[in-house]
Amino acid sequence: MVRRRKHWRQGEGKMRLFLKLATWNCLGLGKQGDDREAKLEYCRSLGYHVLCLTELWNHQRMADDFVVSDIDTADRPAGVGLLFSKRLKPFVRQVGSCGSRIAWARVCGPTCNLMLIGVYIPHARRKASPHSHDI
């Protein structure tokens, strides 16, 4: 008898061969805790397995299902976060960031580990440093 291991892509008797990924430039999560939590709840309701939120304006805070980049007070609109669904969260093995513009996560996949990377690069007409060509 062959026994299959249960993977993140298997649910309700059907094999799911995809992850729903999205990114959103949310222009900040809000300075107040209630605003921030309301936006995160909205993001959770969208139903993505991984949602990359960019331009968090350095008001990001870690949560159980939300990994964020480092905070850089000199670069106001910076900040990147990865929001995981309840279904995918148990398979997240490692998370981290590289500065205030990159957040990453290593996820245990069905055949190999996946590296998910969320990046925020400023738009081309930005007047203040850092500029997109610097990044």
C-alpha atoms as a PDB file:
ATOM      1  CA  MET A   1       0.000   0.000   0.000  1.00  0.00           C
ATOM      2  CA  VAL A   2       1.434   3.348  -1.072  1.00  0.00           C
ATOM      3  CA  ARG A   3       0.917   6.169   1.382  1.00  0.00           C
ATOM      4  CA  ARG A   4       1.086   9.762   0.154  1.00  0.00           C
ATOM      5  CA  ARG A   5       2.378  12.513   2.393  1.00  0.00           C
ATOM      6  CA  LYS A   6       0.063  15.442   2.861  1.00  0.00           C
ATOM      7  CA  HIS A   7       1.334  18.615   1.229  1.00  0.00           C
ATOM      8  CA  TRP A   8       0.168  22.207   1.210  1.00  0.00           C
ATOM      9  CA  ARG A   9      -1.166  21.663  -2.282  1.00  0.00           C
ATOM     10  CA  GLN A  10      -3.497  18.826  -1.264  1.00  0.00           C
ATOM     11  CA  GLY A  11      -6.857  19.695   0.228  1.00  0.00           C
ATOM     12  CA  GLU A  12     -10.422  18.468   0.252  1.00  0.00           C
ATOM     13  CA  GLY A  13      -9.501  15.384  -1.760  1.00  0.00           C
ATOM     14  CA  LYS A  14      -8.150  17.350  -4.714  1.00  0.00           C
ATOM     15  CA  MET A  15      -4.570  18.033  -5.611  1.00  0.00           C
ATOM     16  CA  ARG A  16      -3.951  21.743  -6.033  1.00  0.00           C
ATOM     17  CA  LEU A  17      -1.026  22.516  -8.245  1.00  0.00           C
ATOM     18  CA  PHE A  18      -0.715  26.231  -7.621  1.00  0.00           C
ATOM     19  CA  LEU A  19      -0.102  28.919  -5.056  1.00  0.00           C
ATOM     20  CA  LYS A  20      -2.026  32.162  -5.237  1.00  0.00           C
ATOM     21  CA  LEU A  21       0.544  34.965  -4.980  1.00  0.00           C
ATOM     22  CA  ALA A  22      -0.064  38.706  -5.214  1.00  0.00           C
ATOM     23  CA  THR A  23       1.573  42.016  -4.437  1.00  0.00           C
ATOM     24  CA  TRP A  24       0.000  45.300  -3.376  1.00  0.00           C
ATOM     25  CA  ASN A  25       1.518  48.741  -2.913  1.00  0.00           C
ATOM     26  CA  CYS A  26      -0.680  49.637   0.048  1.00  0.00           C
ATOM     27  CA  LEU A  27       0.843  53.118   0.638  1.00  0.00           C
ATOM     28  CA  GLY A  28       1.223  52.393   4.333  1.00  0.00           C
ATOM     29  CA  LEU A  29      -0.652  50.249   6.796  1.00  0.00           C
ATOM     30  CA  GLY A  30      -1.582  53.242   8.934  1.00  0.00           C
ATOM     31  CA  LYS A  31       0.016  54.823  11.997  1.00  0.00           C
ATOM     32  CA  GLN A  32      -2.621  53.641  14.458  1.00  0.00           C
ATOM     33  CA  GLY A  33      -2.784  50.008  15.561  1.00  0.00           C
ATOM     34  CA  ASP A  34      -6.497  49.759  14.706  1.00  0.00           C
ATOM     35  CA  ASP A  35      -5.927  51.024  11.150  1.00  0.00           C
ATOM     36  CA  ARG A  36      -3.052  48.621  10.680  1.00  0.00           C
ATOM     37  CA  GLU A  37      -5.039  45.623  11.951  1.00  0.00           C
ATOM     38  CA  ALA A  38      -8.055  46.550   9.806  1.00  0.00           C
ATOM     39  CA  LYS A  39      -5.883  46.644   6.655  1.00  0.00           C
ATOM     40  CA  LEU A  40      -4.259  43.334   7.542  1.00  0.00           C
ATOM     41  CA  GLU A  41      -7.677  41.750   8.105  1.00  0.00           C
ATOM     42  CA  TYR A  42      -8.765  43.016   4.678  1.00  0.00           C
ATOM     43  CA  CYS A  43      -5.602  41.510   3.155  1.00  0.00           C
ATOM     44  CA  ARG A  44      -6.275  38.179   4.875  1.00  0.00           C
ATOM     45  CA  SER A  45      -9.813  38.174   3.472  1.00  0.00           C
ATOM     46  CA  LEU A  46      -8.502  38.344  -0.118  1.00  0.00           C
ATOM     47  CA  GLY A  47      -7.641  34.644  -0.007  1.00  0.00           C
ATOM     48  CA  TYR A  48      -4.055  34.658  -1.294  1.00  0.00           C
ATOM     49  CA  HIS A  49      -1.556  32.129  -0.015  1.00  0.00           C
ATOM     50  CA  VAL A  50       1.127  34.837   0.009  1.00  0.00           C
ATOM     51  CA  LEU A  51       0.513  38.569  -0.307  1.00  0.00           C
ATOM     52  CA  CYS A  52       3.491  40.901  -0.597  1.00  0.00           C
ATOM     53  CA  LEU A  53       2.730  44.365   0.793  1.00  0.00           C
ATOM     54  CA  THR A  54       5.074  47.157  -0.288  1.00  0.00           C
ATOM     55  CA  GLU A  55       5.658  50.771   0.706  1.00  0.00           C
ATOM     56  CA  LEU A  56       4.654  50.251   4.335  1.00  0.00           C
ATOM     57  CA  TRP A  57       6.021  53.652   5.404  1.00  0.00           C
ATOM     58  CA  ASN A  58       8.002  52.041   8.246  1.00  0.00           C
ATOM     59  CA  HIS A  59       4.872  51.381  10.313  1.00  0.00           C
ATOM     60  CA  GLN A  60       5.070  47.611   9.893  1.00  0.00           C
ATOM     61  CA  ARG A  61       4.907  45.293  12.867  1.00  0.00           C
ATOM     62  CA  MET A  62       5.537  41.555  12.921  1.00  0.00           C
ATOM     63  CA  ALA A  63       2.542  39.311  13.420  1.00  0.00           C
ATOM     64  CA  ASP A  64       2.157  35.557  13.545  1.00  0.00           C
ATOM     65  CA  ASP A  65       1.406  35.368   9.823  1.00  0.00           C
ATOM     66  CA  PHE A  66       3.174  38.576   8.685  1.00  0.00           C
ATOM     67  CA  VAL A  67       6.934  38.865   8.193  1.00  0.00           C
ATOM     68  CA  VAL A  68       8.339  42.340   7.558  1.00  0.00           C
ATOM     69  CA  SER A  69      11.588  43.952   6.450  1.00  0.00           C
ATOM     70  CA  ASP A  70      13.884  45.982   8.667  1.00  0.00           C
ATOM     71  CA  ILE A  71      12.824  49.540   9.473  1.00  0.00           C
ATOM     72  CA  ASP A  72      14.881  52.376   7.986  1.00  0.00           C
ATOM     73  CA  THR A  73      13.783  55.742   9.388  1.00  0.00           C
ATOM     74  CA  ALA A  74      15.839  57.637   6.794  1.00  0.00           C
ATOM     75  CA  ASP A  75      13.822  56.103   3.967  1.00  0.00           C
ATOM     76  CA  ARG A  76      10.187  56.862   4.841  1.00  0.00           C
ATOM     77  CA  PRO A  77       8.181  54.907   2.238  1.00  0.00           C
ATOM     78  CA  ALA A  78      10.341  51.800   2.608  1.00  0.00           C
ATOM     79  CA  GLY A  79       9.065  48.606   4.115  1.00  0.00           C
ATOM     80  CA  VAL A  80       8.036  45.264   2.677  1.00  0.00           C
ATOM     81  CA  GLY A  81       5.939  42.535   4.255  1.00  0.00           C
ATOM     82  CA  LEU A  82       4.860  39.023   3.337  1.00  0.00           C
ATOM     83  CA  LEU A  83       1.446  37.923   4.619  1.00  0.00           C
ATOM     84  CA  PHE A  84       0.810  34.157   4.717  1.00  0.00           C
ATOM     85  CA  SER A  85      -2.498  32.301   4.670  1.00  0.00           C
ATOM     86  CA  LYS A  86      -3.414  29.993   7.542  1.00  0.00           C
ATOM     87  CA  ARG A  87      -3.024  27.074   5.180  1.00  0.00           C
ATOM     88  CA  LEU A  88       0.536  27.955   4.134  1.00  0.00           C
ATOM     89  CA  LYS A  89       1.841  29.247   7.492  1.00  0.00           C
ATOM     90  CA  PRO A  90       2.756  25.774   8.906  1.00  0.00           C
ATOM     91  CA  PHE A  91       5.070  25.223   5.925  1.00  0.00           C
ATOM     92  CA  VAL A  92       7.065  28.441   6.385  1.00  0.00           C
ATOM     93  CA  ARG A  93      10.489  27.293   7.578  1.00  0.00           C
ATOM     94  CA  GLN A  94      12.542  30.479   7.725  1.00  0.00           C
ATOM     95  CA  VAL A  95      11.922  34.212   7.261  1.00  0.00           C
ATOM     96  CA  GLY A  96      14.117  37.279   7.097  1.00  0.00           C
ATOM     97  CA  SER A  97      14.931  40.523   5.364  1.00  0.00           C
ATOM     98  CA  CYS A  98      17.789  42.285   3.619  1.00  0.00           C
ATOM     99  CA  GLY A  99      17.485  45.920   4.626  1.00  0.00           C
ATOM    100  CA  SER A 100      14.204  47.785   4.386  1.00  0.00           C
ATOM    101  CA  ARG A 101      13.392  46.852   0.781  1.00  0.00           C
ATOM    102  CA  ILE A 102      13.511  43.051   0.687  1.00  0.00           C
ATOM    103  CA  ALA A 103      11.631  40.463   2.762  1.00  0.00           C
ATOM    104  CA  TRP A 104      11.973  36.735   2.118  1.00  0.00           C
ATOM    105  CA  ALA A 105      10.634  33.405   3.296  1.00  0.00           C
ATOM    106  CA  ARG A 106      11.685  29.803   2.765  1.00  0.00           C
ATOM    107  CA  VAL A 107       8.663  27.529   2.371  1.00  0.00           C
ATOM    108  CA  CYS A 108       8.639  23.737   2.414  1.00  0.00           C
ATOM    109  CA  GLY A 109       7.201  22.739  -0.955  1.00  0.00           C
ATOM    110  CA  PRO A 110       5.883  19.427  -2.230  1.00  0.00           C
ATOM    111  CA  THR A 111       9.142  18.385  -3.939  1.00  0.00           C
ATOM    112  CA  CYS A 112      11.623  21.107  -2.962  1.00  0.00           C
ATOM    113  CA  ASN A 113      11.819  24.218  -0.822  1.00  0.00           C
ATOM    114  CA  LEU A 114      10.535  27.462  -2.310  1.00  0.00           C
ATOM    115  CA  MET A 115      12.140  30.855  -1.750  1.00  0.00           C
ATOM    116  CA  LEU A 116       9.591  33.669  -1.802  1.00  0.00           C
ATOM    117  CA  ILE A 117      11.030  37.178  -2.093  1.00  0.00           C
ATOM    118  CA  GLY A 118       9.125  40.453  -1.777  1.00  0.00           C
ATOM    119  CA  VAL A 119      10.879  43.572  -3.065  1.00  0.00           C
ATOM    120  CA  TYR A 120      10.003  47.262  -3.180  1.00  0.00           C
ATOM    121  CA  ILE A 121      11.884  49.444  -5.675  1.00  0.00           C
ATOM    122  CA  PRO A 122      11.009  53.160  -5.874  1.00  0.00           C
ATOM    123  CA  HIS A 123       9.342  54.443  -9.013  1.00  0.00           C
ATOM    124  CA  ALA A 124      11.469  55.987 -11.770  1.00  0.00           C
ATOM    125  CA  ARG A 125      10.403  59.630 -11.181  1.00  0.00           C
ATOM    126  CA  ARG A 126      11.169  59.684  -7.471  1.00  0.00           C
ATOM    127  CA  LYS A 127      12.829  62.980  -6.467  1.00  0.00           C
ATOM    128  CA  ALA A 128      14.367  61.983  -3.101  1.00  0.00           C
ATOM    129  CA  SER A 129      17.068  59.374  -2.539  1.00  0.00           C
ATOM    130  CA  PRO A 130      17.132  56.395  -2.889  1.00  0.00           C
ATOM    131  CA  HIS A 131      16.312  56.367  -6.570  1.00  0.00           C
ATOM    132  CA  SER A 132      15.406  53.290  -8.590  1.00  0.00           C
ATOM    133  CA  HIS A 133      18.768  53.355 -10.409  1.00  0.00           C
ATOM    134  CA  ASP A 134      20.523  53.231  -6.987  1.00  0.00           C
ATOM    135  CA  ILE A 135      18.740  50.006  -6.153  1.00  0.00           C
END
